[in-house]
N, C-alpha and C. Protein backbone atom coordinates (compact mmCIF):
# COMPACT_ATOMS: atom_id res chain seq x y z
N MET A 1 7.96 12.44 9.56
CA MET A 1 7.84 11.42 8.41
C MET A 1 8.84 11.58 7.29
N LEU A 2 9.66 10.67 7.08
CA LEU A 2 10.51 10.61 5.90
C LEU A 2 9.86 10.30 4.68
N THR A 3 10.30 11.04 3.56
CA THR A 3 9.80 10.57 2.11
C THR A 3 10.67 9.36 1.74
N GLU A 4 10.11 8.84 0.61
CA GLU A 4 10.88 7.95 -0.07
C GLU A 4 11.93 8.57 -1.06
N ASN A 5 11.92 9.83 -1.27
CA ASN A 5 12.59 10.54 -2.19
C ASN A 5 14.11 10.72 -1.80
N ASN A 6 14.29 11.35 -0.69
CA ASN A 6 15.63 11.33 -0.19
C ASN A 6 15.77 11.58 1.36
N GLY A 7 14.58 11.38 2.17
CA GLY A 7 14.55 11.21 3.45
C GLY A 7 14.64 12.90 3.93
N SER A 8 14.18 13.81 3.12
CA SER A 8 14.23 15.32 3.52
C SER A 8 13.14 15.79 4.32
N GLY A 9 12.10 14.99 4.25
CA GLY A 9 10.85 15.33 4.89
C GLY A 9 9.92 16.26 3.96
N LYS A 10 10.44 16.55 2.66
CA LYS A 10 9.69 17.55 1.78
C LYS A 10 8.47 16.95 1.29
N GLN A 11 7.28 17.73 1.30
CA GLN A 11 6.02 17.15 0.87
C GLN A 11 5.72 18.17 -0.29
N TYR A 12 4.76 17.76 -1.10
CA TYR A 12 4.31 18.46 -2.26
C TYR A 12 2.76 18.42 -2.36
N CYS A 13 2.24 19.32 -2.93
CA CYS A 13 0.77 19.55 -3.08
C CYS A 13 0.46 19.73 -4.47
N ILE A 14 -0.55 19.21 -5.30
CA ILE A 14 -0.98 19.54 -6.32
C ILE A 14 -2.47 20.00 -6.45
N LEU A 15 -2.93 20.93 -7.19
CA LEU A 15 -4.40 21.18 -7.34
C LEU A 15 -4.64 21.30 -8.91
N PHE A 16 -5.74 20.81 -9.31
CA PHE A 16 -6.12 20.55 -10.69
C PHE A 16 -7.60 20.37 -10.82
N TYR A 17 -8.06 20.72 -12.10
CA TYR A 17 -9.39 20.49 -12.35
C TYR A 17 -9.53 20.12 -13.84
N LYS A 18 -10.52 19.43 -14.31
CA LYS A 18 -10.89 19.19 -15.64
C LYS A 18 -12.14 19.15 -16.00
N TYR A 19 -12.79 19.90 -16.80
CA TYR A 19 -14.24 19.80 -17.30
C TYR A 19 -14.22 18.75 -18.22
N HIS A 20 -15.16 17.69 -17.84
CA HIS A 20 -15.32 16.44 -18.66
C HIS A 20 -16.66 16.02 -18.38
N PRO A 21 -17.26 15.39 -19.63
CA PRO A 21 -18.68 14.73 -19.26
C PRO A 21 -18.30 13.51 -18.53
N LEU A 22 -19.24 13.23 -17.52
CA LEU A 22 -19.32 11.93 -16.74
C LEU A 22 -20.47 11.35 -16.95
N THR A 23 -21.28 11.17 -15.84
CA THR A 23 -22.67 10.54 -15.76
C THR A 23 -23.42 11.08 -14.55
N GLY A 24 -24.78 11.07 -14.69
CA GLY A 24 -25.68 11.51 -13.63
C GLY A 24 -26.10 10.30 -13.00
N ASN A 25 -25.50 9.06 -13.33
CA ASN A 25 -25.89 7.92 -12.50
C ASN A 25 -24.94 7.55 -11.55
N PRO A 26 -25.50 7.73 -10.24
CA PRO A 26 -24.57 7.49 -9.02
C PRO A 26 -23.87 6.10 -8.93
N GLU A 27 -24.64 5.09 -9.43
CA GLU A 27 -24.05 3.62 -9.31
C GLU A 27 -23.01 3.52 -10.33
N VAL A 28 -23.07 4.10 -11.53
CA VAL A 28 -22.05 3.84 -12.58
C VAL A 28 -20.87 4.72 -12.27
N LEU A 29 -21.06 6.00 -11.61
CA LEU A 29 -20.05 6.96 -11.28
C LEU A 29 -19.24 6.24 -10.05
N GLU A 30 -19.85 5.62 -9.16
CA GLU A 30 -19.17 4.92 -8.18
C GLU A 30 -18.02 4.11 -8.47
N THR A 31 -18.04 3.42 -9.67
CA THR A 31 -16.90 2.65 -10.14
C THR A 31 -15.65 3.47 -10.40
N TYR A 32 -15.99 4.61 -10.88
CA TYR A 32 -14.74 5.51 -11.05
C TYR A 32 -14.18 6.10 -9.93
N ARG A 33 -15.20 6.44 -8.97
CA ARG A 33 -14.64 7.00 -7.64
C ARG A 33 -13.94 5.96 -6.85
N GLN A 34 -14.34 4.80 -6.93
CA GLN A 34 -13.73 3.74 -6.19
C GLN A 34 -12.19 3.73 -7.05
N ALA A 35 -12.14 3.48 -8.24
CA ALA A 35 -10.86 3.41 -9.05
C ALA A 35 -9.92 4.51 -8.48
N THR A 36 -10.56 5.68 -8.40
CA THR A 36 -9.76 6.88 -8.10
C THR A 36 -9.12 6.97 -6.64
N GLU A 37 -9.91 6.25 -5.86
CA GLU A 37 -9.67 6.25 -4.39
C GLU A 37 -8.49 5.14 -4.37
N ARG A 38 -8.65 4.00 -4.93
CA ARG A 38 -7.67 2.85 -4.89
C ARG A 38 -6.26 3.58 -5.43
N LEU A 39 -6.35 4.17 -6.53
CA LEU A 39 -5.11 4.96 -6.97
C LEU A 39 -4.42 5.82 -6.01
N CYS A 40 -5.20 6.65 -5.43
CA CYS A 40 -4.76 7.66 -4.53
C CYS A 40 -4.11 6.98 -3.21
N THR A 41 -4.80 5.93 -2.70
CA THR A 41 -4.37 5.25 -1.59
C THR A 41 -3.14 4.42 -1.77
N SER A 42 -3.06 3.74 -2.93
CA SER A 42 -1.91 3.08 -3.36
C SER A 42 -0.80 3.96 -3.35
N LEU A 43 -0.97 5.19 -4.00
CA LEU A 43 0.22 6.08 -4.18
C LEU A 43 0.41 6.76 -2.95
N GLN A 44 -0.25 6.54 -1.72
CA GLN A 44 -0.07 7.14 -0.57
C GLN A 44 -0.22 8.69 -0.49
N LEU A 45 -1.23 9.05 -1.31
CA LEU A 45 -1.73 10.40 -1.47
C LEU A 45 -2.88 10.75 -0.55
N THR A 46 -2.82 11.84 0.05
CA THR A 46 -3.84 12.38 1.06
C THR A 46 -4.52 13.62 0.19
N GLY A 47 -5.78 14.07 0.45
CA GLY A 47 -6.28 14.98 -0.04
C GLY A 47 -7.80 14.77 -0.48
N ARG A 48 -8.36 15.45 -1.41
CA ARG A 48 -9.73 15.24 -1.99
C ARG A 48 -9.65 15.32 -3.40
N VAL A 49 -10.41 14.41 -4.11
CA VAL A 49 -10.74 14.60 -5.62
C VAL A 49 -12.34 14.49 -5.58
N LEU A 50 -12.67 15.65 -6.00
CA LEU A 50 -14.26 15.81 -6.35
C LEU A 50 -14.63 15.25 -7.76
N ILE A 51 -15.48 14.33 -7.80
CA ILE A 51 -15.87 13.91 -9.14
C ILE A 51 -17.34 14.20 -9.48
N GLY A 52 -17.67 15.01 -10.43
CA GLY A 52 -19.02 15.60 -10.65
C GLY A 52 -19.97 14.54 -11.08
N LEU A 53 -21.16 14.40 -10.27
CA LEU A 53 -22.20 13.67 -10.78
C LEU A 53 -23.12 14.28 -11.61
N SER A 54 -22.78 14.28 -12.91
CA SER A 54 -23.42 15.09 -14.10
C SER A 54 -22.95 14.72 -15.39
N ASP A 55 -23.97 14.78 -16.22
CA ASP A 55 -23.37 14.44 -17.53
C ASP A 55 -23.05 15.66 -18.41
N ASP A 56 -23.13 16.84 -17.78
CA ASP A 56 -22.94 18.06 -18.47
C ASP A 56 -21.44 18.64 -18.31
N GLY A 57 -20.58 17.82 -18.01
CA GLY A 57 -19.04 18.23 -18.03
C GLY A 57 -18.45 18.82 -16.91
N GLU A 58 -19.16 18.54 -15.71
CA GLU A 58 -18.45 19.05 -14.35
C GLU A 58 -17.12 18.46 -14.16
N GLY A 59 -16.80 17.16 -14.50
CA GLY A 59 -15.57 16.71 -14.40
C GLY A 59 -15.00 16.51 -13.02
N ILE A 60 -13.58 16.76 -12.89
CA ILE A 60 -12.99 16.52 -11.57
C ILE A 60 -12.26 17.71 -11.06
N ASN A 61 -12.25 17.73 -9.78
CA ASN A 61 -11.38 19.02 -9.10
C ASN A 61 -10.63 18.24 -8.01
N GLY A 62 -9.30 18.47 -7.85
CA GLY A 62 -8.61 17.79 -6.73
C GLY A 62 -7.47 18.65 -6.12
N THR A 63 -7.17 18.34 -4.86
CA THR A 63 -6.19 18.75 -4.22
C THR A 63 -5.44 17.60 -3.44
N LEU A 64 -4.15 17.20 -3.92
CA LEU A 64 -3.58 15.90 -3.27
C LEU A 64 -2.32 16.33 -2.73
N ALA A 65 -1.84 15.62 -1.55
CA ALA A 65 -0.66 15.91 -1.17
C ALA A 65 0.30 14.45 -1.10
N GLY A 66 1.60 14.52 -1.17
CA GLY A 66 2.36 13.46 -0.85
C GLY A 66 3.71 13.61 -1.26
N THR A 67 4.79 12.68 -1.53
CA THR A 67 6.04 12.81 -1.95
C THR A 67 5.99 13.30 -3.37
N LYS A 68 7.11 13.72 -3.86
CA LYS A 68 7.15 14.12 -5.27
C LYS A 68 6.99 13.00 -6.25
N ASP A 69 7.79 11.77 -5.92
CA ASP A 69 7.62 10.63 -6.64
C ASP A 69 6.20 10.19 -6.74
N ASP A 70 5.40 10.11 -5.67
CA ASP A 70 4.06 9.62 -5.83
C ASP A 70 3.09 10.58 -6.57
N LEU A 71 3.31 11.96 -6.50
CA LEU A 71 2.50 12.90 -7.18
C LEU A 71 2.92 12.89 -8.56
N ASP A 72 4.20 12.66 -8.95
CA ASP A 72 4.61 12.69 -10.23
C ASP A 72 3.78 11.39 -10.93
N ALA A 73 3.97 10.15 -10.20
CA ALA A 73 3.11 9.09 -10.75
C ALA A 73 1.51 9.32 -11.10
N TYR A 74 0.91 10.09 -10.12
CA TYR A 74 -0.39 10.56 -10.42
C TYR A 74 -0.63 11.44 -11.69
N VAL A 75 0.17 12.47 -11.74
CA VAL A 75 0.24 13.32 -12.83
C VAL A 75 0.47 12.66 -13.98
N ASP A 76 1.48 11.73 -14.21
CA ASP A 76 1.72 11.17 -15.44
C ASP A 76 0.61 10.13 -15.83
N CYS A 77 -0.12 9.59 -14.64
CA CYS A 77 -1.24 8.70 -14.93
C CYS A 77 -2.40 9.55 -15.62
N MET A 78 -2.59 10.72 -14.82
CA MET A 78 -3.74 11.51 -15.30
C MET A 78 -3.43 12.31 -16.78
N LEU A 79 -2.14 12.33 -17.09
CA LEU A 79 -1.77 12.91 -18.36
C LEU A 79 -1.95 11.91 -19.62
N GLY A 80 -2.09 10.66 -19.28
CA GLY A 80 -2.31 9.54 -20.23
C GLY A 80 -1.10 9.14 -20.60
N ARG A 81 0.10 9.21 -19.90
CA ARG A 81 1.25 8.81 -20.48
C ARG A 81 1.64 7.32 -20.56
N ASP A 82 1.99 6.81 -21.46
CA ASP A 82 2.47 5.56 -21.60
C ASP A 82 3.28 4.79 -20.28
N VAL A 83 2.62 3.82 -19.80
CA VAL A 83 3.21 3.24 -18.66
C VAL A 83 4.62 2.53 -18.80
N ALA A 84 4.73 2.08 -20.06
CA ALA A 84 5.98 1.47 -20.38
C ALA A 84 7.15 2.42 -20.51
N LYS A 85 6.76 3.78 -20.84
CA LYS A 85 7.90 4.76 -21.08
C LYS A 85 8.11 5.61 -19.86
N VAL A 86 7.35 5.53 -18.86
CA VAL A 86 7.66 6.39 -17.65
C VAL A 86 7.98 5.47 -16.58
N LYS A 87 8.93 5.98 -15.74
CA LYS A 87 9.58 5.23 -14.73
C LYS A 87 8.83 5.39 -13.39
N PHE A 88 7.74 4.59 -13.19
CA PHE A 88 7.01 4.66 -12.03
C PHE A 88 7.49 4.00 -10.78
N GLY A 89 8.30 3.09 -11.08
CA GLY A 89 8.84 2.04 -9.96
C GLY A 89 7.61 0.90 -9.95
N GLN A 90 8.17 -0.21 -9.50
CA GLN A 90 7.28 -1.38 -9.50
C GLN A 90 5.92 -1.01 -8.79
N ARG A 91 5.88 -0.60 -7.31
CA ARG A 91 4.42 -0.31 -6.72
C ARG A 91 3.62 0.60 -7.59
N ARG A 92 4.18 1.68 -8.15
CA ARG A 92 3.50 2.75 -8.79
C ARG A 92 2.83 2.17 -10.11
N ALA A 93 3.82 1.50 -10.91
CA ALA A 93 3.24 0.95 -12.12
C ALA A 93 2.22 0.10 -12.10
N GLY A 94 2.04 -0.89 -11.20
CA GLY A 94 0.89 -1.77 -11.11
C GLY A 94 -0.34 -0.92 -10.80
N THR A 95 -0.19 0.03 -9.73
CA THR A 95 -1.28 0.86 -9.45
C THR A 95 -1.83 1.73 -10.53
N VAL A 96 -0.94 2.30 -11.40
CA VAL A 96 -1.45 2.99 -12.45
C VAL A 96 -2.08 2.22 -13.60
N VAL A 97 -1.59 0.96 -13.80
CA VAL A 97 -2.09 0.28 -14.84
C VAL A 97 -3.57 -0.19 -14.37
N ALA A 98 -3.78 -0.51 -13.10
CA ALA A 98 -4.98 -0.99 -12.61
C ALA A 98 -6.05 0.12 -12.68
N PHE A 99 -5.59 1.52 -12.34
CA PHE A 99 -6.51 2.46 -12.60
C PHE A 99 -6.93 2.80 -14.04
N ARG A 100 -5.89 2.84 -14.89
CA ARG A 100 -6.16 2.91 -16.26
C ARG A 100 -7.10 2.00 -17.07
N GLU A 101 -6.96 0.79 -16.53
CA GLU A 101 -7.97 -0.12 -17.01
C GLU A 101 -9.31 -0.02 -16.49
N ALA A 102 -9.54 0.34 -15.23
CA ALA A 102 -10.91 0.81 -14.70
C ALA A 102 -11.32 1.90 -15.34
N SER A 103 -10.58 2.92 -15.59
CA SER A 103 -10.86 4.19 -16.09
C SER A 103 -11.38 3.91 -17.59
N LYS A 104 -10.57 3.10 -18.45
CA LYS A 104 -10.89 2.71 -19.77
C LYS A 104 -12.30 2.05 -19.93
N GLN A 105 -12.53 1.13 -18.91
CA GLN A 105 -13.96 0.32 -18.93
C GLN A 105 -14.93 1.47 -18.55
N PHE A 106 -14.79 2.34 -17.49
CA PHE A 106 -15.84 3.20 -17.24
C PHE A 106 -16.19 4.15 -18.37
N PHE A 107 -15.27 4.68 -18.98
CA PHE A 107 -15.62 5.62 -20.12
C PHE A 107 -16.25 4.94 -21.39
N ALA A 108 -15.75 3.66 -21.61
CA ALA A 108 -16.25 2.82 -22.65
C ALA A 108 -17.81 2.70 -22.45
N LYS A 109 -18.15 2.21 -21.18
CA LYS A 109 -19.51 2.07 -20.90
C LYS A 109 -20.40 3.25 -21.04
N LEU A 110 -19.78 4.42 -20.95
CA LEU A 110 -20.52 5.60 -21.04
C LEU A 110 -20.43 6.19 -22.65
N ASP A 111 -19.51 5.56 -23.36
CA ASP A 111 -19.49 5.85 -24.74
C ASP A 111 -18.66 7.23 -24.79
N LEU A 112 -17.87 7.50 -24.06
CA LEU A 112 -17.17 8.75 -23.79
C LEU A 112 -15.71 8.58 -23.99
N PRO A 113 -14.85 9.64 -24.34
CA PRO A 113 -13.58 9.43 -24.39
C PRO A 113 -12.87 9.57 -22.91
N GLU A 114 -11.88 8.89 -22.71
CA GLU A 114 -11.25 8.96 -21.41
C GLU A 114 -10.89 10.49 -20.89
N LEU A 115 -10.92 10.39 -19.54
CA LEU A 115 -10.70 11.65 -19.02
C LEU A 115 -8.99 11.61 -18.69
N PHE A 116 -8.31 12.63 -19.51
CA PHE A 116 -6.87 12.97 -19.24
C PHE A 116 -6.73 14.49 -19.07
N LEU A 117 -5.88 14.96 -18.31
CA LEU A 117 -5.72 16.32 -18.38
C LEU A 117 -4.62 16.68 -19.52
N ASN A 118 -4.49 17.94 -20.15
CA ASN A 118 -3.89 18.13 -21.26
C ASN A 118 -2.42 18.34 -21.21
N SER A 119 -2.07 18.83 -20.03
CA SER A 119 -0.67 19.35 -19.93
C SER A 119 -0.14 19.36 -18.51
N PRO A 120 1.10 19.18 -18.32
CA PRO A 120 1.52 19.31 -17.07
C PRO A 120 1.30 20.65 -16.36
N ASN A 121 1.08 21.72 -17.13
CA ASN A 121 0.81 22.95 -16.63
C ASN A 121 -0.60 22.93 -15.91
N ASP A 122 -1.44 22.06 -16.26
CA ASP A 122 -2.93 21.89 -15.66
C ASP A 122 -2.70 21.51 -14.19
N PHE A 123 -1.62 21.15 -13.75
CA PHE A 123 -1.39 20.92 -12.18
C PHE A 123 -0.62 22.00 -11.54
N LYS A 124 -1.14 22.46 -10.60
CA LYS A 124 -0.55 23.75 -9.75
C LYS A 124 0.30 23.06 -8.49
N TRP A 125 1.42 23.25 -8.59
CA TRP A 125 2.40 22.68 -7.40
C TRP A 125 2.75 23.44 -6.37
N SER A 126 2.78 23.11 -5.28
CA SER A 126 3.52 23.77 -4.08
C SER A 126 4.09 22.78 -3.16
N SER A 127 5.10 23.13 -2.35
CA SER A 127 5.82 22.26 -1.47
C SER A 127 6.15 22.90 -0.10
N TRP A 128 6.45 22.13 0.81
CA TRP A 128 6.80 22.55 2.22
C TRP A 128 7.60 21.39 2.83
N SER A 129 8.50 21.70 3.83
CA SER A 129 9.23 20.74 4.44
C SER A 129 8.67 20.46 5.77
N ASN A 130 8.61 19.04 6.21
CA ASN A 130 7.92 18.74 7.42
C ASN A 130 8.77 19.53 8.64
N SER A 131 10.04 19.58 8.47
CA SER A 131 10.76 20.26 9.64
C SER A 131 10.21 21.61 9.97
N SER A 132 9.85 22.45 8.93
CA SER A 132 9.32 23.73 9.18
C SER A 132 8.02 23.60 9.74
N VAL A 133 7.24 22.56 9.39
CA VAL A 133 5.96 22.51 9.97
C VAL A 133 6.05 22.03 11.48
N ASP A 134 7.10 21.30 11.79
CA ASP A 134 7.31 20.67 13.38
C ASP A 134 7.78 21.83 14.00
N LYS A 135 8.58 22.85 13.58
CA LYS A 135 8.90 23.86 14.29
C LYS A 135 7.70 24.84 14.75
N LYS A 136 6.92 25.10 13.69
CA LYS A 136 5.80 25.89 14.02
C LYS A 136 4.93 25.29 15.15
N ASN A 137 4.75 23.79 14.97
CA ASN A 137 3.86 23.19 16.07
C ASN A 137 4.43 23.16 17.48
N SER A 138 5.81 23.32 17.38
CA SER A 138 6.53 23.15 18.84
C SER A 138 6.41 24.61 19.60
N ASN A 139 6.15 25.60 18.80
CA ASN A 139 6.03 26.99 19.46
C ASN A 139 4.92 27.15 20.20
């Protein structure tokens, strides 16, 4: 598989978590879960984001993989960066705007501040090349 970055086949992975109050109501939480799933699907990210069903601050915990550009868009989104000031690209910008609007409505309904991570350092990065994975699988 070639990435849209430069065709090198290099993939990246991020790990993150954030304690933040959400809700113990599964129907209400489902709206945030669906928005998160749409964001990740649109950015062509794979992995898992666990969203705590609790009012006591469980928050989110995730591991996502994809291209550097797509993961950068996710990180910028979760840091609350201004969409107008970040070069997301057309596909990514629409996705981020839609998620941010759904997130804003979700947290307003709960009368809670929006969930944003505090710093780029809150994301732990790793990478690998698809060619090295292909070599291992062919042995």
